[in-house]
Amino acid sequence: MNPPNMEETARQIVVTNPDPTAAVKEALELAIKNLDEKIDRRFQGIDQATVLAREEQKDKLSALQSTLTNAATALASANKDLVGQLAQANQIALTAALQTQKESASKSELATADIIRQLQTSFETAIKVVNEKIDRLTSRLDTGEGRVVGVADYRTYIIAAIGAALAIAAFFGLGLHR
């Protein structure tokens, strides 16, 4: 028996065994196909999860917007009520202040009128007293009371004579110096 030739043995192995590169290619293609399917399923799952998350966020935002709208409406209604109450309170306070001012002015007018009446009475009394004194003095003058006839007339004559003498002296004294 002859020892087998290596080349021949190699050909037999190669010929008898299928080409590994084709099997590897097939396995790789199958693996790639499986990976593609897995990746597609993952992308589809991610897309579905994204859609669901968006819908859930949309629902949450709608609920939040509805809550905020209701809260804003309630707050606006409460503010409207408060503004109305404030306006009513201001009206009541203004009315009370005006009423107090009116009463104060009325009391002041009454007090002023009373003071004027008292002053008028006082002036009338004082005028009566003064008129009575004038009337008494007039009646005394009419009756001649309180006159000093002799002394007053005598002094008047003396003063008149002295005045006339001075006038004559001045008249003649001026004429002499010329």
Protein backbone atom coordinates (compact mmCIF):
# COMPACT_ATOMS: atom_id res chain seq x y z
CA MET A 1 0.00 0.00 0.00
CA ASN A 2 1.20 3.16 -0.95
CA PRO A 3 1.05 6.02 1.39
CA PRO A 4 -1.64 8.39 0.35
CA ASN A 5 -0.70 11.57 -1.31
CA MET A 6 -1.44 14.71 0.56
CA GLU A 7 -2.76 16.52 -2.33
CA GLU A 8 -5.14 13.82 -3.10
CA THR A 9 -6.30 13.65 0.48
CA ALA A 10 -6.79 17.40 0.53
CA ARG A 11 -8.90 17.19 -2.61
CA GLN A 12 -11.05 14.53 -1.14
CA ILE A 13 -11.61 16.48 2.01
CA VAL A 14 -12.41 19.56 0.07
CA VAL A 15 -14.57 17.72 -2.34
CA THR A 16 -16.29 15.61 0.22
CA ASN A 17 -16.82 18.44 2.71
CA PRO A 18 -18.93 21.29 1.52
CA ASP A 19 -17.41 24.75 1.27
CA PRO A 20 -17.53 26.37 4.75
CA THR A 21 -17.79 29.88 3.39
CA ALA A 22 -21.19 29.18 1.82
CA ALA A 23 -22.48 27.74 5.11
CA VAL A 24 -21.09 30.67 7.01
CA LYS A 25 -22.69 33.01 4.49
CA GLU A 26 -26.01 31.26 4.94
CA ALA A 27 -25.71 31.36 8.72
CA LEU A 28 -24.73 34.99 8.61
CA GLU A 29 -27.59 35.81 6.28
CA LEU A 30 -29.99 33.93 8.57
CA ALA A 31 -28.56 35.69 11.61
CA ILE A 32 -28.81 39.06 9.86
CA LYS A 33 -32.36 38.28 8.85
CA ASN A 34 -33.21 37.31 12.43
CA LEU A 35 -31.50 40.47 13.72
CA ASP A 36 -33.37 42.56 11.18
CA GLU A 37 -36.65 41.07 12.37
CA LYS A 38 -35.67 41.59 16.00
CA ILE A 39 -34.63 45.17 15.31
CA ASP A 40 -37.81 45.78 13.30
CA ARG A 41 -39.87 44.36 16.17
CA ARG A 42 -37.97 46.55 18.63
CA PHE A 43 -38.48 49.64 16.48
CA GLN A 44 -42.14 48.75 16.13
CA GLY A 45 -42.32 48.28 19.93
CA ILE A 46 -40.55 51.59 20.48
CA ASP A 47 -42.89 53.28 17.97
CA GLN A 48 -45.92 51.78 19.70
CA ALA A 49 -44.54 52.75 23.13
CA THR A 50 -43.90 56.28 21.85
CA VAL A 51 -47.46 56.50 20.49
CA LEU A 52 -48.85 55.20 23.79
CA ALA A 53 -46.65 57.58 25.78
CA ARG A 54 -47.79 60.49 23.60
CA GLU A 55 -51.42 59.53 24.06
CA GLU A 56 -50.91 59.19 27.80
CA GLN A 57 -49.13 62.55 27.95
CA LYS A 58 -51.90 64.05 25.81
CA ASP A 59 -54.52 62.67 28.21
CA LYS A 60 -52.57 63.98 31.21
CA LEU A 61 -52.16 67.40 29.58
CA SER A 62 -55.85 67.51 28.69
CA ALA A 63 -56.75 66.62 32.26
CA LEU A 64 -54.31 69.24 33.57
CA GLN A 65 -55.67 71.84 31.15
CA SER A 66 -59.21 70.98 32.19
CA THR A 67 -58.23 71.27 35.86
CA LEU A 68 -56.49 74.59 35.24
CA THR A 69 -59.47 75.90 33.27
CA ASN A 70 -61.84 74.87 36.05
CA ALA A 71 -59.52 76.40 38.66
CA ALA A 72 -59.22 79.61 36.64
CA THR A 73 -62.99 79.78 36.24
CA ALA A 74 -63.49 79.18 39.95
CA LEU A 75 -60.82 81.75 40.80
CA ALA A 76 -62.37 84.29 38.43
CA SER A 77 -65.77 83.67 39.99
CA ALA A 78 -64.31 84.02 43.49
CA ASN A 79 -62.49 87.21 42.45
CA LYS A 80 -65.71 88.58 40.96
CA ASP A 81 -67.51 87.84 44.23
CA LEU A 82 -64.70 89.48 46.22
CA VAL A 83 -64.71 92.55 43.98
CA GLY A 84 -68.47 92.80 44.40
CA GLN A 85 -68.17 92.50 48.16
CA LEU A 86 -65.39 95.10 48.19
CA ALA A 87 -67.48 97.48 46.10
CA GLN A 88 -70.42 96.97 48.44
CA ALA A 89 -68.22 97.53 51.51
CA ASN A 90 -66.77 100.69 49.94
CA GLN A 91 -70.28 101.95 49.18
CA ILE A 92 -71.39 101.33 52.76
CA ALA A 93 -68.27 103.03 54.14
CA LEU A 94 -68.73 106.01 51.82
CA THR A 95 -72.40 106.33 52.74
CA ALA A 96 -71.53 106.19 56.45
CA ALA A 97 -68.78 108.79 56.02
CA LEU A 98 -71.09 111.12 54.10
CA GLN A 99 -73.85 110.67 56.68
CA THR A 100 -71.39 111.45 59.49
CA GLN A 101 -70.18 114.53 57.60
CA LYS A 102 -73.76 115.64 57.02
CA GLU A 103 -74.64 115.22 60.71
CA SER A 104 -71.46 117.04 61.73
CA ALA A 105 -72.25 119.92 59.36
CA SER A 106 -75.81 120.07 60.68
CA LYS A 107 -74.60 120.19 64.28
CA SER A 108 -72.04 122.83 63.34
CA GLU A 109 -74.74 124.92 61.65
CA LEU A 110 -76.98 124.65 64.72
CA ALA A 111 -74.11 125.63 67.02
CA THR A 112 -73.19 128.57 64.77
CA ALA A 113 -76.82 129.73 64.62
CA ASP A 114 -77.03 129.51 68.41
CA ILE A 115 -73.84 131.54 68.82
CA ILE A 116 -75.15 134.14 66.36
CA ARG A 117 -78.43 134.41 68.30
CA GLN A 118 -76.52 134.83 71.57
CA LEU A 119 -74.29 137.52 70.01
CA GLN A 120 -77.33 139.28 68.55
CA THR A 121 -79.01 139.32 71.96
CA SER A 122 -75.82 140.59 73.55
CA PHE A 123 -75.43 143.36 70.92
CA GLU A 124 -79.07 144.39 71.25
CA THR A 125 -78.68 144.62 75.01
CA ALA A 126 -75.47 146.65 74.66
CA ILE A 127 -77.09 148.97 72.09
CA LYS A 128 -80.10 149.50 74.37
CA VAL A 129 -77.78 150.42 77.24
CA VAL A 130 -75.82 152.86 75.09
CA ASN A 131 -79.03 154.40 73.69
CA GLU A 132 -80.39 154.83 77.21
CA LYS A 133 -77.19 156.61 78.28
CA ILE A 134 -77.34 158.87 75.22
CA ASP A 135 -80.99 159.63 75.90
CA ARG A 136 -80.21 160.49 79.54
CA LEU A 137 -77.34 162.78 78.50
CA THR A 138 -79.51 164.45 75.87
CA SER A 139 -82.32 165.02 78.33
CA ARG A 140 -79.87 166.51 80.83
CA LEU A 141 -78.52 168.85 78.17
CA ASP A 142 -82.04 169.84 77.22
CA THR A 143 -82.87 170.72 80.81
CA GLY A 144 -79.64 172.61 81.27
CA GLU A 145 -78.11 170.36 83.87
CA GLY A 146 -74.35 170.27 84.15
CA ARG A 147 -73.73 173.66 82.58
CA VAL A 148 -71.41 176.12 84.14
CA VAL A 149 -72.71 179.31 82.64
CA GLY A 150 -70.70 181.93 84.38
CA VAL A 151 -67.31 180.27 84.20
CA ALA A 152 -67.61 178.98 80.70
CA ASP A 153 -68.94 182.28 79.28
CA TYR A 154 -66.35 184.40 81.12
CA ARG A 155 -63.43 182.32 79.87
CA THR A 156 -64.74 182.42 76.34
CA TYR A 157 -64.87 186.24 76.42
CA ILE A 158 -61.34 186.47 77.77
CA ILE A 159 -59.92 184.16 75.10
CA ALA A 160 -61.78 186.07 72.37
CA ALA A 161 -60.42 189.43 73.61
CA ILE A 162 -56.86 188.15 73.77
CA GLY A 163 -57.19 186.76 70.22
CA ALA A 164 -58.53 190.07 68.89
CA ALA A 165 -55.72 192.03 70.58
CA LEU A 166 -53.10 189.79 69.09
CA ALA A 167 -54.64 190.14 65.66
CA ILE A 168 -54.63 193.94 65.92
CA ALA A 169 -51.07 193.98 67.17
CA ALA A 170 -49.96 191.70 64.41
CA PHE A 171 -51.73 193.83 61.83
CA PHE A 172 -50.17 197.05 63.03
CA GLY A 173 -46.84 195.48 63.84
CA LEU A 174 -46.43 194.33 60.27
CA GLY A 175 -47.34 197.73 58.90
CA LEU A 176 -44.68 199.53 61.00
CA HIS A 177 -41.75 197.53 59.81
CA ARG A 178 -42.13 198.50 56.21
